[in-house]
Amino acid sequence: MSRPLCPRCQRPLSHCLCALIPSLNSRTRVLILQHPSEVKHALNTARLAALGLSNAELCVGERFDELATLLNPPGYRSVLLFPGEGATVLQTQGGVELPVQLVVPDGTWRKASKLLHVNPELAALPRVCLPAGGESRYRLRKAPKEGALSTIEAIAQALELIDAPQQFGELLKPFEALIEGQIAAMGEETFQRNHL
């Protein structure tokens, strides 16, 4: 028998994170395109990010029929947060240019790459990436490469650059609580043995 889930954060009611989820405003709009395989993942950080940002939208799928509409919201210019050839390193934005819609594919590297492959309009967006040297607090998953971050960490870091001087550290509170809860559930000894 499955445990009852919180309808908002999708965590078991006994481990609901809603009290920790902020409601942050941002000039930048965030569009998260989540691969379906991530929806039921215990550490669904994309959902937490979307819940914590008032100017964010989470769409689940592999092929997005309404992608042209999603990528062209009035008053925003879309950029894809995804490293790779031709990606511009994000820097603090100054001034008056059109606000950004940060498009973030969510999934393993393989699944996120597939989202780009099966959605050519997505792959055609100007790409941005985070500066080198970012360190993940995601202590439960082995990073596939140096500097790899969870979706929520990447979004928070990107927003702090684009919407500077506004801070988005509060967005990470439910994420950190989720990790601490997972470590507590597995026991310190198991965590030390398998994840350090």
N, C-alpha and C. Protein backbone atom coordinates (compact mmCIF):
# COMPACT_ATOMS: atom_id res chain seq x y z
N MET A 1 0.84 -1.19 0.00
CA MET A 1 0.00 0.00 0.00
C MET A 1 0.88 1.25 0.00
N SER A 2 0.61 2.17 -0.90
CA SER A 2 1.45 3.35 -0.98
C SER A 2 1.02 4.40 0.04
N ARG A 3 2.01 5.18 0.46
CA ARG A 3 1.75 6.23 1.45
C ARG A 3 1.06 7.40 0.77
N PRO A 4 0.16 8.10 1.49
CA PRO A 4 -0.49 9.27 0.88
C PRO A 4 0.52 10.37 0.60
N LEU A 5 0.36 11.01 -0.57
CA LEU A 5 1.30 12.05 -1.00
C LEU A 5 0.70 13.43 -0.84
N CYS A 6 1.55 14.40 -0.58
CA CYS A 6 1.13 15.80 -0.61
C CYS A 6 0.79 16.14 -2.06
N PRO A 7 -0.39 16.70 -2.33
CA PRO A 7 -0.75 16.99 -3.72
C PRO A 7 0.12 18.07 -4.35
N ARG A 8 0.78 18.89 -3.53
CA ARG A 8 1.59 19.99 -4.08
C ARG A 8 3.04 19.55 -4.35
N CYS A 9 3.74 19.09 -3.32
CA CYS A 9 5.17 18.76 -3.51
C CYS A 9 5.38 17.30 -3.91
N GLN A 10 4.31 16.49 -3.85
CA GLN A 10 4.36 15.08 -4.25
C GLN A 10 5.25 14.22 -3.35
N ARG A 11 5.55 14.70 -2.16
CA ARG A 11 6.30 13.92 -1.18
C ARG A 11 5.30 13.21 -0.27
N PRO A 12 5.70 12.12 0.39
CA PRO A 12 4.79 11.53 1.38
C PRO A 12 4.39 12.60 2.39
N LEU A 13 3.13 12.56 2.83
CA LEU A 13 2.63 13.59 3.76
C LEU A 13 3.52 13.73 4.99
N SER A 14 4.08 12.61 5.45
CA SER A 14 4.96 12.66 6.62
C SER A 14 6.27 13.38 6.35
N HIS A 15 6.60 13.59 5.07
CA HIS A 15 7.85 14.26 4.69
C HIS A 15 7.58 15.44 3.75
N CYS A 16 6.43 16.06 3.90
CA CYS A 16 6.04 17.19 3.05
C CYS A 16 7.07 18.32 3.17
N LEU A 17 7.42 18.91 2.03
CA LEU A 17 8.42 19.99 2.00
C LEU A 17 7.81 21.37 1.80
N CYS A 18 6.49 21.44 1.72
CA CYS A 18 5.84 22.70 1.35
C CYS A 18 6.20 23.88 2.26
N ALA A 19 6.40 23.61 3.54
CA ALA A 19 6.74 24.71 4.47
C ALA A 19 8.10 25.34 4.12
N LEU A 20 8.95 24.60 3.43
CA LEU A 20 10.28 25.10 3.07
C LEU A 20 10.33 25.72 1.68
N ILE A 21 9.28 25.52 0.89
CA ILE A 21 9.29 26.01 -0.50
C ILE A 21 8.95 27.50 -0.49
N PRO A 22 9.88 28.34 -1.00
CA PRO A 22 9.62 29.78 -1.02
C PRO A 22 8.67 30.15 -2.16
N SER A 23 8.35 31.41 -2.24
CA SER A 23 7.62 31.94 -3.39
C SER A 23 8.42 33.15 -3.86
N LEU A 24 9.38 32.90 -4.74
CA LEU A 24 10.31 33.94 -5.16
C LEU A 24 9.90 34.51 -6.51
N ASN A 25 9.97 35.82 -6.62
CA ASN A 25 9.74 36.49 -7.89
C ASN A 25 11.07 36.62 -8.62
N SER A 26 11.00 36.61 -9.93
CA SER A 26 12.21 36.85 -10.73
C SER A 26 11.81 37.59 -12.00
N ARG A 27 12.71 38.43 -12.47
CA ARG A 27 12.49 39.09 -13.76
C ARG A 27 12.55 38.03 -14.86
N THR A 28 13.47 37.10 -14.69
CA THR A 28 13.66 36.00 -15.64
C THR A 28 12.54 34.98 -15.48
N ARG A 29 12.01 34.55 -16.60
CA ARG A 29 11.01 33.48 -16.60
C ARG A 29 11.77 32.16 -16.76
N VAL A 30 11.35 31.12 -16.07
CA VAL A 30 11.99 29.81 -16.15
C VAL A 30 10.99 28.81 -16.72
N LEU A 31 11.39 28.16 -17.81
CA LEU A 31 10.59 27.09 -18.42
C LEU A 31 11.39 25.80 -18.28
N ILE A 32 10.85 24.86 -17.50
CA ILE A 32 11.53 23.58 -17.29
C ILE A 32 10.82 22.52 -18.13
N LEU A 33 11.58 21.87 -18.99
CA LEU A 33 11.05 20.79 -19.83
C LEU A 33 11.57 19.49 -19.25
N GLN A 34 10.69 18.77 -18.56
CA GLN A 34 11.10 17.58 -17.82
C GLN A 34 10.83 16.31 -18.61
N HIS A 35 11.87 15.49 -18.71
CA HIS A 35 11.69 14.18 -19.33
C HIS A 35 10.77 13.35 -18.44
N PRO A 36 9.82 12.59 -19.03
CA PRO A 36 8.86 11.83 -18.22
C PRO A 36 9.49 10.89 -17.20
N SER A 37 10.69 10.40 -17.47
CA SER A 37 11.33 9.46 -16.54
C SER A 37 11.70 10.11 -15.21
N GLU A 38 11.72 11.44 -15.15
CA GLU A 38 12.09 12.15 -13.92
C GLU A 38 10.91 12.41 -12.99
N VAL A 39 9.69 12.31 -13.50
CA VAL A 39 8.50 12.72 -12.73
C VAL A 39 8.40 11.99 -11.40
N LYS A 40 8.59 10.68 -11.41
CA LYS A 40 8.43 9.88 -10.19
C LYS A 40 9.73 9.73 -9.40
N HIS A 41 10.78 10.41 -9.83
CA HIS A 41 12.07 10.31 -9.16
C HIS A 41 11.96 10.89 -7.75
N ALA A 42 12.54 10.19 -6.77
CA ALA A 42 12.42 10.62 -5.37
C ALA A 42 12.95 12.05 -5.16
N LEU A 43 14.00 12.41 -5.87
CA LEU A 43 14.57 13.75 -5.73
C LEU A 43 14.21 14.57 -6.96
N ASN A 44 12.94 14.88 -7.13
CA ASN A 44 12.47 15.62 -8.31
C ASN A 44 12.71 17.11 -8.09
N THR A 45 13.95 17.55 -8.37
CA THR A 45 14.30 18.94 -8.05
C THR A 45 13.65 19.94 -9.01
N ALA A 46 13.30 19.51 -10.20
CA ALA A 46 12.64 20.42 -11.15
C ALA A 46 11.29 20.86 -10.60
N ARG A 47 10.56 19.94 -10.01
CA ARG A 47 9.25 20.27 -9.42
C ARG A 47 9.43 21.28 -8.29
N LEU A 48 10.43 21.05 -7.44
CA LEU A 48 10.69 21.99 -6.33
C LEU A 48 11.04 23.37 -6.86
N ALA A 49 11.82 23.43 -7.93
CA ALA A 49 12.19 24.73 -8.51
C ALA A 49 10.96 25.45 -9.05
N ALA A 50 10.12 24.71 -9.77
CA ALA A 50 8.91 25.33 -10.35
C ALA A 50 7.97 25.82 -9.26
N LEU A 51 7.86 25.07 -8.17
CA LEU A 51 6.98 25.48 -7.07
C LEU A 51 7.52 26.71 -6.34
N GLY A 52 8.83 26.84 -6.30
CA GLY A 52 9.46 27.93 -5.54
C GLY A 52 9.59 29.24 -6.29
N LEU A 53 9.30 29.23 -7.59
CA LEU A 53 9.44 30.44 -8.40
C LEU A 53 8.08 30.84 -8.97
N SER A 54 7.67 32.07 -8.75
CA SER A 54 6.35 32.49 -9.24
C SER A 54 6.35 32.68 -10.76
N ASN A 55 7.53 32.87 -11.36
CA ASN A 55 7.61 33.09 -12.81
C ASN A 55 8.24 31.86 -13.48
N ALA A 56 7.68 30.69 -13.16
CA ALA A 56 8.23 29.44 -13.71
C ALA A 56 7.09 28.53 -14.16
N GLU A 57 7.42 27.68 -15.13
CA GLU A 57 6.46 26.70 -15.63
C GLU A 57 7.19 25.38 -15.85
N LEU A 58 6.55 24.29 -15.45
CA LEU A 58 7.10 22.95 -15.63
C LEU A 58 6.22 22.19 -16.62
N CYS A 59 6.83 21.71 -17.70
CA CYS A 59 6.12 20.92 -18.71
C CYS A 59 6.82 19.56 -18.80
N VAL A 60 6.02 18.50 -18.79
CA VAL A 60 6.56 17.14 -18.84
C VAL A 60 6.28 16.54 -20.21
N GLY A 61 7.30 15.92 -20.80
CA GLY A 61 7.11 15.26 -22.08
C GLY A 61 8.44 14.94 -22.72
N GLU A 62 8.37 14.31 -23.87
CA GLU A 62 9.58 14.05 -24.64
C GLU A 62 9.54 14.88 -25.92
N ARG A 63 8.39 14.87 -26.57
CA ARG A 63 8.15 15.76 -27.71
C ARG A 63 7.10 16.76 -27.28
N PHE A 64 7.33 18.03 -27.57
CA PHE A 64 6.41 19.07 -27.12
C PHE A 64 5.76 19.70 -28.34
N ASP A 65 4.48 19.37 -28.56
CA ASP A 65 3.75 19.88 -29.73
C ASP A 65 3.59 21.40 -29.67
N GLU A 66 3.45 21.94 -28.48
CA GLU A 66 3.22 23.38 -28.32
C GLU A 66 4.52 24.14 -28.09
N LEU A 67 5.65 23.56 -28.51
CA LEU A 67 6.96 24.14 -28.21
C LEU A 67 7.13 25.54 -28.77
N ALA A 68 6.65 25.80 -29.99
CA ALA A 68 6.80 27.13 -30.58
C ALA A 68 6.16 28.19 -29.68
N THR A 69 5.01 27.88 -29.11
CA THR A 69 4.34 28.82 -28.20
C THR A 69 5.12 28.95 -26.90
N LEU A 70 5.57 27.83 -26.35
CA LEU A 70 6.31 27.85 -25.10
C LEU A 70 7.62 28.64 -25.21
N LEU A 71 8.26 28.54 -26.36
CA LEU A 71 9.57 29.19 -26.53
C LEU A 71 9.48 30.66 -26.92
N ASN A 72 8.27 31.15 -27.17
CA ASN A 72 8.12 32.54 -27.60
C ASN A 72 7.09 33.29 -26.78
N PRO A 73 7.25 33.33 -25.44
CA PRO A 73 6.28 34.09 -24.64
C PRO A 73 6.45 35.58 -24.92
N PRO A 74 5.36 36.32 -24.99
CA PRO A 74 5.47 37.75 -25.27
C PRO A 74 6.34 38.44 -24.22
N GLY A 75 7.26 39.29 -24.70
CA GLY A 75 8.08 40.09 -23.79
C GLY A 75 9.34 39.42 -23.30
N TYR A 76 9.65 38.20 -23.80
CA TYR A 76 10.86 37.50 -23.37
C TYR A 76 11.63 36.98 -24.58
N ARG A 77 12.93 36.82 -24.40
CA ARG A 77 13.75 36.12 -25.40
C ARG A 77 14.25 34.84 -24.73
N SER A 78 14.09 33.72 -25.40
CA SER A 78 14.45 32.43 -24.82
C SER A 78 15.90 32.07 -25.07
N VAL A 79 16.53 31.51 -24.04
CA VAL A 79 17.87 30.92 -24.15
C VAL A 79 17.82 29.55 -23.48
N LEU A 80 18.63 28.65 -23.96
CA LEU A 80 18.67 27.27 -23.46
C LEU A 80 19.83 27.13 -22.49
N LEU A 81 19.54 26.73 -21.25
CA LEU A 81 20.59 26.47 -20.27
C LEU A 81 21.07 25.04 -20.46
N PHE A 82 22.15 24.91 -21.22
CA PHE A 82 22.68 23.58 -21.52
C PHE A 82 24.11 23.76 -22.04
N PRO A 83 25.07 23.11 -21.41
CA PRO A 83 26.45 23.28 -21.86
C PRO A 83 26.68 22.62 -23.21
N GLY A 84 27.76 22.99 -23.84
CA GLY A 84 28.10 22.39 -25.11
C GLY A 84 28.68 23.41 -26.05
N GLU A 85 28.96 22.95 -27.24
CA GLU A 85 29.58 23.80 -28.24
C GLU A 85 28.72 25.03 -28.51
N GLY A 86 29.36 26.19 -28.50
CA GLY A 86 28.67 27.42 -28.81
C GLY A 86 27.92 28.04 -27.65
N ALA A 87 27.98 27.42 -26.46
CA ALA A 87 27.28 27.98 -25.30
C ALA A 87 28.05 29.18 -24.76
N THR A 88 27.32 30.25 -24.45
CA THR A 88 27.91 31.45 -23.86
C THR A 88 27.84 31.32 -22.35
N VAL A 89 28.94 31.62 -21.67
CA VAL A 89 28.95 31.55 -20.21
C VAL A 89 28.10 32.69 -19.66
N LEU A 90 27.17 32.36 -18.80
CA LEU A 90 26.29 33.36 -18.20
C LEU A 90 27.10 34.34 -17.35
N GLN A 91 26.73 35.60 -17.45
CA GLN A 91 27.34 36.64 -16.64
C GLN A 91 26.23 37.50 -16.07
N THR A 92 26.58 38.30 -15.09
CA THR A 92 25.61 39.23 -14.54
C THR A 92 25.13 40.14 -15.67
N GLN A 93 23.82 40.23 -15.82
CA GLN A 93 23.23 41.05 -16.87
C GLN A 93 23.12 42.48 -16.37
N GLY A 94 23.32 43.40 -17.25
CA GLY A 94 23.09 44.78 -16.87
C GLY A 94 22.03 45.35 -17.78
N GLY A 95 21.28 46.29 -17.26
CA GLY A 95 20.51 47.13 -18.13
C GLY A 95 19.15 46.69 -18.58
N VAL A 96 18.84 47.13 -19.80
CA VAL A 96 17.45 47.25 -20.22
C VAL A 96 17.01 46.25 -21.29
N GLU A 97 17.87 45.32 -21.63
CA GLU A 97 17.46 44.41 -22.70
C GLU A 97 16.25 43.58 -22.29
N LEU A 98 15.64 42.97 -23.30
CA LEU A 98 14.44 42.17 -23.09
C LEU A 98 14.70 41.09 -22.04
N PRO A 99 13.76 40.88 -21.11
CA PRO A 99 13.97 39.83 -20.11
C PRO A 99 14.15 38.46 -20.76
N VAL A 100 14.83 37.59 -20.05
CA VAL A 100 15.17 36.27 -20.54
C VAL A 100 14.13 35.25 -20.07
N GLN A 101 13.82 34.30 -20.95
CA GLN A 101 13.17 33.06 -20.52
C GLN A 101 14.25 32.00 -20.57
N LEU A 102 14.58 31.46 -19.41
CA LEU A 102 15.60 30.44 -19.29
C LEU A 102 14.93 29.08 -19.48
N VAL A 103 15.28 28.39 -20.56
CA VAL A 103 14.69 27.10 -20.87
C VAL A 103 15.65 26.02 -20.36
N VAL A 104 15.14 25.15 -19.47
CA VAL A 104 15.99 24.20 -18.77
C VAL A 104 15.48 22.77 -19.02
N PRO A 105 16.22 21.96 -19.78
CA PRO A 105 15.83 20.55 -19.91
C PRO A 105 16.17 19.81 -18.62
N ASP A 106 15.27 18.95 -18.15
CA ASP A 106 15.48 18.24 -16.90
C ASP A 106 15.46 16.74 -17.15
N GLY A 107 16.54 16.09 -16.76
CA GLY A 107 16.68 14.64 -16.90
C GLY A 107 18.15 14.29 -16.77
N THR A 108 18.47 13.03 -16.86
CA THR A 108 19.88 12.65 -16.89
C THR A 108 20.50 13.34 -18.11
N TRP A 109 21.82 13.35 -18.20
CA TRP A 109 22.46 13.99 -19.36
C TRP A 109 21.95 13.36 -20.66
N ARG A 110 21.82 12.04 -20.65
CA ARG A 110 21.37 11.34 -21.85
C ARG A 110 19.94 11.74 -22.22
N LYS A 111 19.06 11.78 -21.22
CA LYS A 111 17.66 12.11 -21.47
C LYS A 111 17.51 13.59 -21.86
N ALA A 112 18.26 14.46 -21.21
CA ALA A 112 18.19 15.89 -21.56
C ALA A 112 18.69 16.10 -23.00
N SER A 113 19.75 15.40 -23.37
CA SER A 113 20.26 15.50 -24.74
C SER A 113 19.22 14.99 -25.74
N LYS A 114 18.50 13.94 -25.34
CA LYS A 114 17.46 13.41 -26.22
C LYS A 114 16.34 14.43 -26.43
N LEU A 115 15.98 15.17 -25.37
CA LEU A 115 14.97 16.22 -25.51
C LEU A 115 15.38 17.22 -26.59
N LEU A 116 16.66 17.57 -26.63
CA LEU A 116 17.15 18.49 -27.65
C LEU A 116 17.09 17.84 -29.03
N HIS A 117 17.42 16.56 -29.08
CA HIS A 117 17.47 15.85 -30.35
C HIS A 117 16.08 15.73 -30.99
N VAL A 118 15.06 15.41 -30.18
CA VAL A 118 13.72 15.20 -30.73
C VAL A 118 12.90 16.49 -30.83
N ASN A 119 13.45 17.60 -30.33
CA ASN A 119 12.78 18.91 -30.41
C ASN A 119 13.75 19.90 -31.05
N PRO A 120 13.88 19.91 -32.38
CA PRO A 120 14.87 20.75 -33.06
C PRO A 120 14.74 22.25 -32.71
N GLU A 121 13.51 22.73 -32.45
CA GLU A 121 13.36 24.15 -32.08
C GLU A 121 14.08 24.45 -30.78
N LEU A 122 14.09 23.47 -29.90
CA LEU A 122 14.78 23.61 -28.62
C LEU A 122 16.29 23.68 -28.85
N ALA A 123 16.79 22.76 -29.65
CA ALA A 123 18.22 22.71 -29.95
C ALA A 123 18.70 23.96 -30.67
N ALA A 124 17.79 24.63 -31.39
CA ALA A 124 18.16 25.82 -32.17
C ALA A 124 18.27 27.09 -31.33
N LEU A 125 17.82 27.05 -30.07
CA LEU A 125 17.90 28.24 -29.22
C LEU A 125 19.35 28.63 -28.94
N PRO A 126 19.61 29.92 -28.71
CA PRO A 126 20.95 30.30 -28.24
C PRO A 126 21.22 29.59 -26.91
N ARG A 127 22.43 29.04 -26.77
CA ARG A 127 22.76 28.29 -25.55
C ARG A 127 23.57 29.14 -24.58
N VAL A 128 23.27 28.93 -23.29
CA VAL A 128 24.07 29.53 -22.23
C VAL A 128 24.46 28.42 -21.27
N CYS A 129 25.55 28.65 -20.55
CA CYS A 129 25.99 27.68 -19.55
C CYS A 129 26.48 28.44 -18.32
N LEU A 130 26.64 27.72 -17.24
CA LEU A 130 27.11 28.33 -16.00
C LEU A 130 28.63 28.42 -16.02
N PRO A 131 29.18 29.37 -15.28
CA PRO A 131 30.64 29.45 -15.20
C PRO A 131 31.21 28.16 -14.60
N ALA A 132 32.42 27.83 -14.97
CA ALA A 132 33.07 26.62 -14.45
C ALA A 132 33.27 26.74 -12.94
N GLY A 133 33.37 25.60 -12.29
CA GLY A 133 33.70 25.59 -10.86
C GLY A 133 32.51 25.47 -9.94
N GLY A 134 31.30 25.33 -10.49
CA GLY A 134 30.14 25.16 -9.61
C GLY A 134 30.24 23.84 -8.87
N GLU A 135 29.87 23.86 -7.58
CA GLU A 135 29.96 22.64 -6.79
C GLU A 135 28.57 22.23 -6.32
N SER A 136 28.22 21.01 -6.58
CA SER A 136 26.89 20.52 -6.23
C SER A 136 26.80 20.13 -4.76
N ARG A 137 25.62 20.39 -4.20
CA ARG A 137 25.32 19.92 -2.84
C ARG A 137 24.60 18.57 -2.90
N TYR A 138 24.44 18.06 -4.10
CA TYR A 138 23.71 16.81 -4.35
C TYR A 138 24.62 15.64 -3.99
N ARG A 139 24.69 15.31 -2.71
CA ARG A 139 25.68 14.35 -2.23
C ARG A 139 25.25 12.90 -2.42
N LEU A 140 24.08 12.68 -3.02
CA LEU A 140 23.58 11.31 -3.16
C LEU A 140 23.77 10.75 -4.55
N ARG A 141 24.17 11.57 -5.48
CA ARG A 141 24.30 11.12 -6.86
C ARG A 141 25.71 11.43 -7.35
N LYS A 142 26.30 10.50 -8.02
CA LYS A 142 27.61 10.74 -8.62
C LYS A 142 27.41 11.63 -9.85
N ALA A 143 28.13 12.74 -9.89
CA ALA A 143 28.02 13.64 -11.03
C ALA A 143 28.66 12.99 -12.25
N PRO A 144 27.98 13.09 -13.42
CA PRO A 144 28.53 12.48 -14.62
C PRO A 144 29.78 13.20 -15.13
N LYS A 145 29.92 14.47 -14.73
CA LYS A 145 31.12 15.23 -15.09
C LYS A 145 31.36 16.32 -14.06
N GLU A 146 32.57 16.82 -14.05
CA GLU A 146 32.95 17.88 -13.12
C GLU A 146 32.03 19.09 -13.27
N GLY A 147 31.58 19.63 -12.15
CA GLY A 147 30.74 20.83 -12.20
C GLY A 147 29.28 20.57 -12.50
N ALA A 148 28.87 19.29 -12.59
CA ALA A 148 27.46 18.99 -12.86
C ALA A 148 26.62 19.33 -11.64
N LEU A 149 25.48 19.95 -11.89
CA LEU A 149 24.58 20.37 -10.81
C LEU A 149 23.21 19.75 -11.03
N SER A 150 22.44 19.66 -9.95
CA SER A 150 21.05 19.25 -10.09
C SER A 150 20.30 20.39 -10.79
N THR A 151 19.12 20.11 -11.28
CA THR A 151 18.32 21.11 -11.99
C THR A 151 18.06 22.33 -11.11
N ILE A 152 17.67 22.12 -9.87
CA ILE A 152 17.35 23.24 -9.00
C ILE A 152 18.59 24.09 -8.69
N GLU A 153 19.74 23.44 -8.53
CA GLU A 153 20.98 24.19 -8.28
C GLU A 153 21.36 25.02 -9.50
N ALA A 154 21.25 24.43 -10.69
CA ALA A 154 21.59 25.14 -11.92
C ALA A 154 20.68 26.36 -12.10
N ILE A 155 19.38 26.19 -11.83
CA ILE A 155 18.44 27.30 -11.97
C ILE A 155 18.77 28.41 -10.98
N ALA A 156 19.00 28.05 -9.72
CA ALA A 156 19.30 29.06 -8.70
C ALA A 156 20.57 29.83 -9.07
N GLN A 157 21.59 29.11 -9.51
CA GLN A 157 22.86 29.76 -9.88
C GLN A 157 22.67 30.68 -11.10
N ALA A 158 21.93 30.20 -12.09
CA ALA A 158 21.69 31.01 -13.29
C ALA A 158 20.90 32.28 -12.95
N LEU A 159 19.88 32.14 -12.13
CA LEU A 159 19.07 33.30 -11.76
C LEU A 159 19.88 34.33 -10.98
N GLU A 160 20.80 33.86 -10.14
CA GLU A 160 21.63 34.81 -9.39
C GLU A 160 22.53 35.61 -10.31
N LEU A 161 22.89 35.05 -11.44
CA LEU A 161 23.68 35.79 -12.43
C LEU A 161 22.80 36.73 -13.25
N ILE A 162 21.71 36.20 -13.78
CA ILE A 162 20.86 36.98 -14.69
C ILE A 162 20.12 38.09 -13.95
N ASP A 163 19.60 37.77 -12.76
CA ASP A 163 18.78 38.72 -12.01
C ASP A 163 19.55 39.40 -10.87
N ALA A 164 20.89 39.40 -10.94
CA ALA A 164 21.69 40.03 -9.89
C ALA A 164 21.21 41.47 -9.69
N PRO A 165 21.22 41.95 -8.46
CA PRO A 165 21.78 41.37 -7.22
C PRO A 165 20.81 40.49 -6.44
N GLN A 166 19.66 40.14 -6.99
CA GLN A 166 18.70 39.30 -6.28
C GLN A 166 19.33 37.94 -5.97
N GLN A 167 19.01 37.41 -4.80
CA GLN A 167 19.56 36.12 -4.36
C GLN A 167 18.47 35.04 -4.42
N PHE A 168 18.87 33.82 -4.74
CA PHE A 168 17.92 32.72 -4.88
C PHE A 168 18.31 31.50 -4.05
N GLY A 169 19.14 31.71 -3.02
CA GLY A 169 19.56 30.61 -2.15
C GLY A 169 18.40 29.93 -1.44
N GLU A 170 17.34 30.70 -1.17
CA GLU A 170 16.16 30.15 -0.49
C GLU A 170 15.51 29.02 -1.29
N LEU A 171 15.69 29.08 -2.61
CA LEU A 171 15.12 28.05 -3.49
C LEU A 171 15.68 26.67 -3.14
N LEU A 172 16.89 26.64 -2.57
CA LEU A 172 17.56 25.37 -2.29
C LEU A 172 17.18 24.75 -0.95
N LYS A 173 16.42 25.46 -0.12
CA LYS A 173 16.08 24.92 1.22
C LYS A 173 15.35 23.59 1.16
N PRO A 174 14.29 23.43 0.35
CA PRO A 174 13.63 22.12 0.32
C PRO A 174 14.54 21.03 -0.26
N PHE A 175 15.38 21.39 -1.21
CA PHE A 175 16.34 20.46 -1.81
C PHE A 175 17.30 19.94 -0.74
N GLU A 176 17.83 20.85 0.07
CA GLU A 176 18.77 20.44 1.12
C GLU A 176 18.08 19.57 2.17
N ALA A 177 16.84 19.92 2.51
CA ALA A 177 16.08 19.11 3.47
C ALA A 177 15.81 17.71 2.91
N LEU A 178 15.54 17.64 1.62
CA LEU A 178 15.29 16.37 0.96
C LEU A 178 16.54 15.48 1.03
N ILE A 179 17.69 16.06 0.77
CA ILE A 179 18.94 15.29 0.82
C ILE A 179 19.23 14.83 2.25
N GLU A 180 19.07 15.73 3.21
CA GLU A 180 19.30 15.36 4.61
C GLU A 180 18.36 14.22 5.02
N GLY A 181 17.10 14.29 4.57
CA GLY A 181 16.14 13.24 4.88
C GLY A 181 16.54 11.91 4.26
N GLN A 182 17.04 11.93 3.04
CA GLN A 182 17.48 10.69 2.37
C GLN A 182 18.68 10.09 3.10
N ILE A 183 19.61 10.96 3.53
CA ILE A 183 20.79 10.47 4.25
C ILE A 183 20.36 9.87 5.59
N ALA A 184 19.45 10.54 6.29
CA ALA A 184 18.96 10.03 7.58
C ALA A 184 18.29 8.67 7.39
N ALA A 185 17.51 8.53 6.30
CA ALA A 185 16.79 7.28 6.05
C ALA A 185 17.74 6.12 5.77
N MET A 186 18.84 6.40 5.08
CA MET A 186 19.77 5.31 4.75
C MET A 186 20.74 5.03 5.88
N GLY A 187 20.87 5.97 6.81
CA GLY A 187 21.81 5.81 7.91
C GLY A 187 23.17 6.38 7.54
N GLU A 188 23.81 7.00 8.52
CA GLU A 188 25.09 7.68 8.29
C GLU A 188 26.17 6.72 7.77
N GLU A 189 26.18 5.50 8.33
CA GLU A 189 27.21 4.53 7.95
C GLU A 189 27.09 4.16 6.46
N THR A 190 25.87 3.87 6.02
CA THR A 190 25.64 3.54 4.61
C THR A 190 26.00 4.72 3.72
N PHE A 191 25.62 5.94 4.15
CA PHE A 191 25.96 7.13 3.37
C PHE A 191 27.47 7.28 3.24
N GLN A 192 28.18 7.15 4.37
CA GLN A 192 29.65 7.29 4.36
C GLN A 192 30.28 6.25 3.42
N ARG A 193 29.79 5.02 3.49
CA ARG A 193 30.37 3.94 2.71
C ARG A 193 30.10 4.10 1.20
N ASN A 194 28.90 4.54 0.85
CA ASN A 194 28.50 4.56 -0.57
C ASN A 194 28.61 5.89 -1.26
N HIS A 195 28.66 6.99 -0.53
CA HIS A 195 28.56 8.29 -1.19
C HIS A 195 29.72 9.23 -0.91
N LEU A 196 30.65 8.86 -0.07
CA LEU A 196 31.78 9.77 0.19
C LEU A 196 33.05 9.26 -0.44
